[in-house]
Structure formats: structure tokens, C-alpha cells
């Protein structure tokens, strides 16, 4: 339900950008699968279920991210440049790690993430929270695809 709402509100992304997001998500998925603990996997499963079924839980996480975004937006223009993006994503990951979540930490993650976020709206440099949520919605869909393929192969 939440994914449908996010998809309806999201700006259209090109097939080329969708392919980049898919590739990025696959890299994240593979990193997760290679490095996650069972406790982190269980928590990710629980969080995904909450994401799909508990709007209040989603709203709380989005409120946290909105706060992190605002804090990272050093120039206050509503868009994050590469340096601000690193601050924002680090805050999000630190908050997740404090809850016991797996944290993505492969070499080049921040740069590749920024490149994709920045490409969602090519009319301006940087990205805003709507662009971030567009990527998040696409990522969840691809993640589910990769997870289903892994489960089918077992």
C-alpha cells in the first residue's frame, strides 16, 4: 500500500535511470547477503513488513529522515549536494545501526548513491527529499525482486 502511494507520487524516471537504480540495488543486495548477520536479517524482514503494513511506523521513519535531511542541508536550499548527501546518509545509517540494522558500507557507496539521487531531477543540482523517496520506492521494488529470485533458487 505504501509502495503504491510512493510510486504514484514519484516523478517518472527514465528507463536508463531505472536500470542504474536496479544495478545499484543489486550491488546493495549482494553486499547485504554476503555480510548480514541473522539478527540483522530478521530485523530487516520485520522492518519491511512494518513498511508495508504500518503507516505510523513509516511516518515515524520518514520524520526521522526529514530531520536528518534538514540537518544535513547546510546551505538550507532544500537540496543536498554531494558533501551534504554524505552527511545525510551517514546520519540515516548511524540511526539504523543504533537499532541493529545492517549498514551498507561498500567502497564508493556514497558517490554512486549521490549520482543516482542527483539524476532523478536533472533540472537542478543535488536532490531533495522527494527525489530520495523516489529512489527509495524503486529500491524496495528491486530488492523484493532480488529476494524472490534468491528464495526461488534455494
Foldseek 3Di string as FASTA:
>chain_A
DLLVVLVVPADDDDPVLLVLLLVLLVVVLVVCVVDPDPVQVVVVVVVVVCSVPPVVVVVVLVVQLVVLLCVLPVVRPQFDALNSQVSSLVSSQVVCVVVVHDHDDDPCSSVSVQVSLQVSDVPDGGHHVSSVSNSVSSSVVSSVVVVVVVVVVD
